[in-house]
Amino acid sequence: MGLEKNENYFELTDDSDRASAIEAQFNEDALEEARRKIVPETSPDFDGKHCIECGEKIPAARLKLGKIRCIDCQTVREQKTRFFGG
């Protein structure tokens, strides 16, 4: 079927085709978001051990995941992103 992103799904005449296209786009968007979240973060201010926000030492398990913020600072950042949408 090969739909382009943001295509008007309601132009499809068959309900099954429309539902399949919407589901495929939803799945693609979810995978893209998941991939974006696992990419290691970078910052010129990161010393390899301490949170770039508060300076607290980051646990080794988080460092292995490529994180540059402690859990508390990352939580606050995610809450702000959800609230302010950015």
PDB file of N, CA and C in Angstrom:
ATOM      1  N   MET A   1       0.829  -1.192   0.000  1.00  0.00           N
ATOM      2  CA  MET A   1       0.000   0.000   0.000  1.00  0.00           C
ATOM      3  C   MET A   1       0.866   1.244   0.000  1.00  0.00           C
ATOM      4  N   GLY A   2       1.949   1.311   0.758  1.00  0.00           N
ATOM      5  CA  GLY A   2       2.942   2.369   0.704  1.00  0.00           C
ATOM      6  C   GLY A   2       2.442   3.774   0.931  1.00  0.00           C
ATOM      7  N   LEU A   3       1.984   4.091   2.121  1.00  0.00           N
ATOM      8  CA  LEU A   3       1.514   5.430   2.413  1.00  0.00           C
ATOM      9  C   LEU A   3       2.657   6.315   2.896  1.00  0.00           C
ATOM     10  N   GLU A   4       2.618   7.571   2.520  1.00  0.00           N
ATOM     11  CA  GLU A   4       3.593   8.538   2.998  1.00  0.00           C
ATOM     12  C   GLU A   4       3.151   9.071   4.355  1.00  0.00           C
ATOM     13  N   LYS A   5       4.110   9.465   5.170  1.00  0.00           N
ATOM     14  CA  LYS A   5       3.797  10.021   6.480  1.00  0.00           C
ATOM     15  C   LYS A   5       2.901  11.247   6.290  1.00  0.00           C
ATOM     16  N   ASN A   6       1.931  11.391   7.178  1.00  0.00           N
ATOM     17  CA  ASN A   6       0.983  12.509   7.171  1.00  0.00           C
ATOM     18  C   ASN A   6       0.010  12.464   5.991  1.00  0.00           C
ATOM     19  N   GLU A   7      -0.064  11.336   5.306  1.00  0.00           N
ATOM     20  CA  GLU A   7      -1.039  11.228   4.225  1.00  0.00           C
ATOM     21  C   GLU A   7      -2.433  11.230   4.829  1.00  0.00           C
ATOM     22  N   ASN A   8      -3.387  11.779   4.113  1.00  0.00           N
ATOM     23  CA  ASN A   8      -4.763  11.828   4.596  1.00  0.00           C
ATOM     24  C   ASN A   8      -5.380  10.436   4.482  1.00  0.00           C
ATOM     25  N   TYR A   9      -5.429   9.736   5.615  1.00  0.00           N
ATOM     26  CA  TYR A   9      -5.924   8.368   5.631  1.00  0.00           C
ATOM     27  C   TYR A   9      -7.394   8.283   5.266  1.00  0.00           C
ATOM     28  N   PHE A  10      -8.101   9.360   5.433  1.00  0.00           N
ATOM     29  CA  PHE A  10      -9.530   9.328   5.174  1.00  0.00           C
ATOM     30  C   PHE A  10      -9.851   9.363   3.690  1.00  0.00           C
ATOM     31  N   GLU A  11      -8.840   9.526   2.842  1.00  0.00           N
ATOM     32  CA  GLU A  11      -9.047   9.423   1.406  1.00  0.00           C
ATOM     33  C   GLU A  11      -9.151   7.965   0.972  1.00  0.00           C
ATOM     34  N   LEU A  12      -8.689   7.048   1.826  1.00  0.00           N
ATOM     35  CA  LEU A  12      -8.823   5.625   1.521  1.00  0.00           C
ATOM     36  C   LEU A  12     -10.291   5.236   1.663  1.00  0.00           C
ATOM     37  N   THR A  13     -10.779   4.487   0.716  1.00  0.00           N
ATOM     38  CA  THR A  13     -12.198   4.158   0.731  1.00  0.00           C
ATOM     39  C   THR A  13     -12.525   2.924   1.556  1.00  0.00           C
ATOM     40  N   ASP A  14     -11.583   2.031   1.720  1.00  0.00           N
ATOM     41  CA  ASP A  14     -11.829   0.803   2.463  1.00  0.00           C
ATOM     42  C   ASP A  14     -11.454   1.007   3.930  1.00  0.00           C
ATOM     43  N   ASP A  15     -12.385   0.704   4.832  1.00  0.00           N
ATOM     44  CA  ASP A  15     -12.135   0.877   6.262  1.00  0.00           C
ATOM     45  C   ASP A  15     -10.944   0.062   6.747  1.00  0.00           C
ATOM     46  N   SER A  16     -10.789  -1.143   6.232  1.00  0.00           N
ATOM     47  CA  SER A  16      -9.670  -1.996   6.636  1.00  0.00           C
ATOM     48  C   SER A  16      -8.330  -1.401   6.195  1.00  0.00           C
ATOM     49  N   ASP A  17      -8.280  -0.878   4.971  1.00  0.00           N
ATOM     50  CA  ASP A  17      -7.058  -0.245   4.487  1.00  0.00           C
ATOM     51  C   ASP A  17      -6.720   0.980   5.335  1.00  0.00           C
ATOM     52  N   ARG A  18      -7.728   1.757   5.650  1.00  0.00           N
ATOM     53  CA  ARG A  18      -7.528   2.961   6.458  1.00  0.00           C
ATOM     54  C   ARG A  18      -6.995   2.593   7.845  1.00  0.00           C
ATOM     55  N   ALA A  19      -7.626   1.588   8.472  1.00  0.00           N
ATOM     56  CA  ALA A  19      -7.199   1.156   9.803  1.00  0.00           C
ATOM     57  C   ALA A  19      -5.777   0.604   9.766  1.00  0.00           C
ATOM     58  N   SER A  20      -5.462  -0.162   8.746  1.00  0.00           N
ATOM     59  CA  SER A  20      -4.111  -0.722   8.611  1.00  0.00           C
ATOM     60  C   SER A  20      -3.073   0.381   8.409  1.00  0.00           C
ATOM     61  N   ALA A  21      -3.405   1.373   7.619  1.00  0.00           N
ATOM     62  CA  ALA A  21      -2.477   2.474   7.370  1.00  0.00           C
ATOM     63  C   ALA A  21      -2.234   3.292   8.634  1.00  0.00           C
ATOM     64  N   ILE A  22      -3.284   3.555   9.377  1.00  0.00           N
ATOM     65  CA  ILE A  22      -3.149   4.312  10.620  1.00  0.00           C
ATOM     66  C   ILE A  22      -2.339   3.512  11.634  1.00  0.00           C
ATOM     67  N   GLU A  23      -2.605   2.225  11.738  1.00  0.00           N
ATOM     68  CA  GLU A  23      -1.858   1.372  12.666  1.00  0.00           C
ATOM     69  C   GLU A  23      -0.384   1.307  12.283  1.00  0.00           C
ATOM     70  N   ALA A  24      -0.102   1.180  10.993  1.00  0.00           N
ATOM     71  CA  ALA A  24       1.289   1.118  10.539  1.00  0.00           C
ATOM     72  C   ALA A  24       2.029   2.421  10.868  1.00  0.00           C
ATOM     73  N   GLN A  25       1.368   3.547  10.669  1.00  0.00           N
ATOM     74  CA  GLN A  25       1.999   4.831  10.986  1.00  0.00           C
ATOM     75  C   GLN A  25       2.203   4.978  12.484  1.00  0.00           C
ATOM     76  N   PHE A  26       1.230   4.556  13.269  1.00  0.00           N
ATOM     77  CA  PHE A  26       1.356   4.607  14.727  1.00  0.00           C
ATOM     78  C   PHE A  26       2.553   3.772  15.186  1.00  0.00           C
ATOM     79  N   ASN A  27       2.672   2.562  14.643  1.00  0.00           N
ATOM     80  CA  ASN A  27       3.791   1.686  15.000  1.00  0.00           C
ATOM     81  C   ASN A  27       5.129   2.285  14.585  1.00  0.00           C
ATOM     82  N   GLU A  28       5.181   2.866  13.398  1.00  0.00           N
ATOM     83  CA  GLU A  28       6.419   3.491  12.925  1.00  0.00           C
ATOM     84  C   GLU A  28       6.821   4.661  13.831  1.00  0.00           C
ATOM     85  N   ASP A  29       5.849   5.473  14.207  1.00  0.00           N
ATOM     86  CA  ASP A  29       6.120   6.603  15.104  1.00  0.00           C
ATOM     87  C   ASP A  29       6.606   6.129  16.476  1.00  0.00           C
ATOM     88  N   ALA A  30       6.001   5.059  16.994  1.00  0.00           N
ATOM     89  CA  ALA A  30       6.399   4.520  18.295  1.00  0.00           C
ATOM     90  C   ALA A  30       7.820   3.975  18.246  1.00  0.00           C
ATOM     91  N   LEU A  31       8.169   3.284  17.178  1.00  0.00           N
ATOM     92  CA  LEU A  31       9.526   2.770  17.032  1.00  0.00           C
ATOM     93  C   LEU A  31      10.544   3.901  16.916  1.00  0.00           C
ATOM     94  N   GLU A  32      10.203   4.925  16.163  1.00  0.00           N
ATOM     95  CA  GLU A  32      11.089   6.080  16.020  1.00  0.00           C
ATOM     96  C   GLU A  32      11.331   6.751  17.372  1.00  0.00           C
ATOM     97  N   GLU A  33      10.286   6.901  18.155  1.00  0.00           N
ATOM     98  CA  GLU A  33      10.407   7.502  19.488  1.00  0.00           C
ATOM     99  C   GLU A  33      11.267   6.628  20.400  1.00  0.00           C
ATOM    100  N   ALA A  34      11.071   5.317  20.348  1.00  0.00           N
ATOM    101  CA  ALA A  34      11.869   4.397  21.178  1.00  0.00           C
ATOM    102  C   ALA A  34      13.338   4.452  20.780  1.00  0.00           C
ATOM    103  N   ARG A  35      13.617   4.493  19.499  1.00  0.00           N
ATOM    104  CA  ARG A  35      15.015   4.590  19.040  1.00  0.00           C
ATOM    105  C   ARG A  35      15.648   5.895  19.489  1.00  0.00           C
ATOM    106  N   ARG A  36      14.899   6.968  19.436  1.00  0.00           N
ATOM    107  CA  ARG A  36      15.410   8.273  19.841  1.00  0.00           C
ATOM    108  C   ARG A  36      15.774   8.276  21.323  1.00  0.00           C
ATOM    109  N   LYS A  37      14.991   7.576  22.122  1.00  0.00           N
ATOM    110  CA  LYS A  37      15.226   7.557  23.561  1.00  0.00           C
ATOM    111  C   LYS A  37      16.460   6.760  23.964  1.00  0.00           C
ATOM    112  N   ILE A  38      16.889   5.793  23.148  1.00  0.00           N
ATOM    113  CA  ILE A  38      18.028   4.970  23.544  1.00  0.00           C
ATOM    114  C   ILE A  38      19.357   5.473  22.990  1.00  0.00           C
ATOM    115  N   VAL A  39      19.343   6.509  22.183  1.00  0.00           N
ATOM    116  CA  VAL A  39      20.586   7.066  21.660  1.00  0.00           C
ATOM    117  C   VAL A  39      21.347   7.716  22.816  1.00  0.00           C
ATOM    118  N   PRO A  40      22.639   7.388  22.966  1.00  0.00           N
ATOM    119  CA  PRO A  40      23.410   8.017  24.046  1.00  0.00           C
ATOM    120  C   PRO A  40      23.426   9.537  23.909  1.00  0.00           C
ATOM    121  N   GLU A  41      23.275  10.203  25.036  1.00  0.00           N
ATOM    122  CA  GLU A  41      23.279  11.663  25.042  1.00  0.00           C
ATOM    123  C   GLU A  41      24.714  12.178  25.061  1.00  0.00           C
ATOM    124  N   THR A  42      24.894  13.393  24.592  1.00  0.00           N
ATOM    125  CA  THR A  42      26.203  14.036  24.632  1.00  0.00           C
ATOM    126  C   THR A  42      26.045  15.472  25.098  1.00  0.00           C
ATOM    127  N   SER A  43      27.098  15.988  25.681  1.00  0.00           N
ATOM    128  CA  SER A  43      27.133  17.389  26.101  1.00  0.00           C
ATOM    129  C   SER A  43      28.593  17.763  26.331  1.00  0.00           C
ATOM    130  N   PRO A  44      28.986  18.945  25.900  1.00  0.00           N
ATOM    131  CA  PRO A  44      30.368  19.364  26.152  1.00  0.00           C
ATOM    132  C   PRO A  44      30.648  19.551  27.647  1.00  0.00           C
ATOM    133  N   ASP A  45      29.604  19.710  28.451  1.00  0.00           N
ATOM    134  CA  ASP A  45      29.760  19.909  29.891  1.00  0.00           C
ATOM    135  C   ASP A  45      29.851  18.590  30.675  1.00  0.00           C
ATOM    136  N   PHE A  46      29.640  17.468  30.000  1.00  0.00           N
ATOM    137  CA  PHE A  46      29.617  16.183  30.700  1.00  0.00           C
ATOM    138  C   PHE A  46      31.036  15.674  30.927  1.00  0.00           C
ATOM    139  N   ASP A  47      31.362  15.373  32.194  1.00  0.00           N
ATOM    140  CA  ASP A  47      32.703  14.900  32.542  1.00  0.00           C
ATOM    141  C   ASP A  47      32.818  13.383  32.556  1.00  0.00           C
ATOM    142  N   GLY A  48      31.716  12.694  32.235  1.00  0.00           N
ATOM    143  CA  GLY A  48      31.744  11.242  32.187  1.00  0.00           C
ATOM    144  C   GLY A  48      31.328  10.559  33.470  1.00  0.00           C
ATOM    145  N   LYS A  49      31.064  11.341  34.530  1.00  0.00           N
ATOM    146  CA  LYS A  49      30.704  10.746  35.819  1.00  0.00           C
ATOM    147  C   LYS A  49      29.591  11.471  36.556  1.00  0.00           C
ATOM    148  N   HIS A  50      29.449  12.771  36.304  1.00  0.00           N
ATOM    149  CA  HIS A  50      28.536  13.579  37.107  1.00  0.00           C
ATOM    150  C   HIS A  50      27.423  14.189  36.256  1.00  0.00           C
ATOM    151  N   CYS A  51      26.246  14.306  36.862  1.00  0.00           N
ATOM    152  CA  CYS A  51      25.064  14.873  36.217  1.00  0.00           C
ATOM    153  C   CYS A  51      25.366  16.295  35.728  1.00  0.00           C
ATOM    154  N   ILE A  52      24.962  16.585  34.490  1.00  0.00           N
ATOM    155  CA  ILE A  52      25.213  17.923  33.949  1.00  0.00           C
ATOM    156  C   ILE A  52      24.276  18.974  34.543  1.00  0.00           C
ATOM    157  N   GLU A  53      23.218  18.538  35.224  1.00  0.00           N
ATOM    158  CA  GLU A  53      22.273  19.472  35.825  1.00  0.00           C
ATOM    159  C   GLU A  53      22.647  19.827  37.265  1.00  0.00           C
ATOM    160  N   CYS A  54      22.907  18.802  38.087  1.00  0.00           N
ATOM    161  CA  CYS A  54      23.108  19.047  39.520  1.00  0.00           C
ATOM    162  C   CYS A  54      24.507  18.701  40.024  1.00  0.00           C
ATOM    163  N   GLY A  55      25.292  17.977  39.225  1.00  0.00           N
ATOM    164  CA  GLY A  55      26.639  17.621  39.627  1.00  0.00           C
ATOM    165  C   GLY A  55      26.769  16.357  40.462  1.00  0.00           C
ATOM    166  N   GLU A  56      25.642  15.710  40.775  1.00  0.00           N
ATOM    167  CA  GLU A  56      25.690  14.460  41.542  1.00  0.00           C
ATOM    168  C   GLU A  56      26.285  13.347  40.686  1.00  0.00           C
ATOM    169  N   LYS A  57      26.926  12.386  41.336  1.00  0.00           N
ATOM    170  CA  LYS A  57      27.504  11.252  40.628  1.00  0.00           C
ATOM    171  C   LYS A  57      26.386  10.389  40.036  1.00  0.00           C
ATOM    172  N   ILE A  58      26.563   9.989  38.779  1.00  0.00           N
ATOM    173  CA  ILE A  58      25.584   9.155  38.087  1.00  0.00           C
ATOM    174  C   ILE A  58      25.949   7.694  38.313  1.00  0.00           C
ATOM    175  N   PRO A  59      24.981   6.847  38.696  1.00  0.00           N
ATOM    176  CA  PRO A  59      25.259   5.420  38.897  1.00  0.00           C
ATOM    177  C   PRO A  59      25.836   4.777  37.628  1.00  0.00           C
ATOM    178  N   ALA A  60      26.702   3.798  37.819  1.00  0.00           N
ATOM    179  CA  ALA A  60      27.370   3.130  36.700  1.00  0.00           C
ATOM    180  C   ALA A  60      26.388   2.554  35.685  1.00  0.00           C
ATOM    181  N   ALA A  61      25.265   2.023  36.157  1.00  0.00           N
ATOM    182  CA  ALA A  61      24.273   1.438  35.240  1.00  0.00           C
ATOM    183  C   ALA A  61      23.721   2.498  34.286  1.00  0.00           C
ATOM    184  N   ARG A  62      23.494   3.703  34.787  1.00  0.00           N
ATOM    185  CA  ARG A  62      23.002   4.792  33.914  1.00  0.00           C
ATOM    186  C   ARG A  62      24.088   5.237  32.946  1.00  0.00           C
ATOM    187  N   LEU A  63      25.315   5.264  33.402  1.00  0.00           N
ATOM    188  CA  LEU A  63      26.416   5.651  32.519  1.00  0.00           C
ATOM    189  C   LEU A  63      26.548   4.664  31.361  1.00  0.00           C
ATOM    190  N   LYS A  64      26.364   3.379  31.637  1.00  0.00           N
ATOM    191  CA  LYS A  64      26.436   2.365  30.583  1.00  0.00           C
ATOM    192  C   LYS A  64      25.356   2.575  29.528  1.00  0.00           C
ATOM    193  N   LEU A  65      24.244   3.183  29.926  1.00  0.00           N
ATOM    194  CA  LEU A  65      23.148   3.468  28.991  1.00  0.00           C
ATOM    195  C   LEU A  65      23.371   4.760  28.211  1.00  0.00           C
ATOM    196  N   GLY A  66      24.464   5.467  28.532  1.00  0.00           N
ATOM    197  CA  GLY A  66      24.762   6.706  27.818  1.00  0.00           C
ATOM    198  C   GLY A  66      24.024   7.909  28.370  1.00  0.00           C
ATOM    199  N   LYS A  67      23.621   7.856  29.623  1.00  0.00           N
ATOM    200  CA  LYS A  67      22.871   8.953  30.236  1.00  0.00           C
ATOM    201  C   LYS A  67      23.832   9.983  30.824  1.00  0.00           C
ATOM    202  N   ILE A  68      23.429  11.240  30.784  1.00  0.00           N
ATOM    203  CA  ILE A  68      24.271  12.325  31.290  1.00  0.00           C
ATOM    204  C   ILE A  68      23.616  13.082  32.439  1.00  0.00           C
ATOM    205  N   ARG A  69      22.453  12.593  32.885  1.00  0.00           N
ATOM    206  CA  ARG A  69      21.738  13.186  34.014  1.00  0.00           C
ATOM    207  C   ARG A  69      21.425  12.111  35.041  1.00  0.00           C
ATOM    208  N   CYS A  70      21.351  12.505  36.313  1.00  0.00           N
ATOM    209  CA  CYS A  70      20.923  11.577  37.351  1.00  0.00           C
ATOM    210  C   CYS A  70      19.425  11.309  37.169  1.00  0.00           C
ATOM    211  N   ILE A  71      18.923  10.331  37.875  1.00  0.00           N
ATOM    212  CA  ILE A  71      17.514   9.953  37.731  1.00  0.00           C
ATOM    213  C   ILE A  71      16.588  11.109  38.093  1.00  0.00           C
ATOM    214  N   ASP A  72      16.893  11.812  39.190  1.00  0.00           N
ATOM    215  CA  ASP A  72      16.021  12.914  39.617  1.00  0.00           C
ATOM    216  C   ASP A  72      15.960  14.020  38.568  1.00  0.00           C
ATOM    217  N   CYS A  73      17.116  14.423  38.036  1.00  0.00           N
ATOM    218  CA  CYS A  73      17.135  15.496  37.037  1.00  0.00           C
ATOM    219  C   CYS A  73      16.474  15.056  35.731  1.00  0.00           C
ATOM    220  N   GLN A  74      16.660  13.806  35.353  1.00  0.00           N
ATOM    221  CA  GLN A  74      16.013  13.303  34.143  1.00  0.00           C
ATOM    222  C   GLN A  74      14.502  13.266  34.317  1.00  0.00           C
ATOM    223  N   THR A  75      14.046  12.886  35.502  1.00  0.00           N
ATOM    224  CA  THR A  75      12.615  12.860  35.777  1.00  0.00           C
ATOM    225  C   THR A  75      12.015  14.249  35.659  1.00  0.00           C
ATOM    226  N   VAL A  76      12.669  15.238  36.241  1.00  0.00           N
ATOM    227  CA  VAL A  76      12.190  16.623  36.160  1.00  0.00           C
ATOM    228  C   VAL A  76      12.157  17.087  34.708  1.00  0.00           C
ATOM    229  N   ARG A  77      13.204  16.767  33.968  1.00  0.00           N
ATOM    230  CA  ARG A  77      13.272  17.159  32.551  1.00  0.00           C
ATOM    231  C   ARG A  77      12.112  16.552  31.760  1.00  0.00           C
ATOM    232  N   GLU A  78      11.830  15.267  31.992  1.00  0.00           N
ATOM    233  CA  GLU A  78      10.735  14.609  31.279  1.00  0.00           C
ATOM    234  C   GLU A  78       9.384  15.176  31.674  1.00  0.00           C
ATOM    235  N   GLN A  79       9.210  15.512  32.944  1.00  0.00           N
ATOM    236  CA  GLN A  79       7.953  16.114  33.390  1.00  0.00           C
ATOM    237  C   GLN A  79       7.745  17.482  32.735  1.00  0.00           C
ATOM    238  N   LYS A  80       8.803  18.271  32.641  1.00  0.00           N
ATOM    239  CA  LYS A  80       8.706  19.587  31.985  1.00  0.00           C
ATOM    240  C   LYS A  80       8.380  19.429  30.511  1.00  0.00           C
ATOM    241  N   THR A  81       9.010  18.438  29.878  1.00  0.00           N
ATOM    242  CA  THR A  81       8.762  18.199  28.456  1.00  0.00           C
ATOM    243  C   THR A  81       7.302  17.817  28.226  1.00  0.00           C
ATOM    244  N   ARG A  82       6.769  16.958  29.094  1.00  0.00           N
ATOM    245  CA  ARG A  82       5.355  16.567  28.953  1.00  0.00           C
ATOM    246  C   ARG A  82       4.436  17.739  29.196  1.00  0.00           C
ATOM    247  N   PHE A  83       4.759  18.567  30.198  1.00  0.00           N
ATOM    248  CA  PHE A  83       3.884  19.680  30.557  1.00  0.00           C
ATOM    249  C   PHE A  83       3.953  20.793  29.515  1.00  0.00           C
ATOM    250  N   PHE A  84       5.173  21.149  29.099  1.00  0.00           N
ATOM    251  CA  PHE A  84       5.339  22.263  28.180  1.00  0.00           C
ATOM    252  C   PHE A  84       5.408  21.837  26.722  1.00  0.00           C
ATOM    253  N   GLY A  85       5.468  20.523  26.498  1.00  0.00           N
ATOM    254  CA  GLY A  85       5.446  20.013  25.131  1.00  0.00           C
ATOM    255  C   GLY A  85       6.686  20.317  24.328  1.00  0.00           C
ATOM    256  N   GLY A  86       7.835  20.343  24.942  1.00  0.00           N
ATOM    257  CA  GLY A  86       8.991  20.685  24.147  1.00  0.00           C
ATOM    258  C   GLY A  86      10.175  19.932  24.482  1.00  0.00           C
TER     259      GLY A  86
END
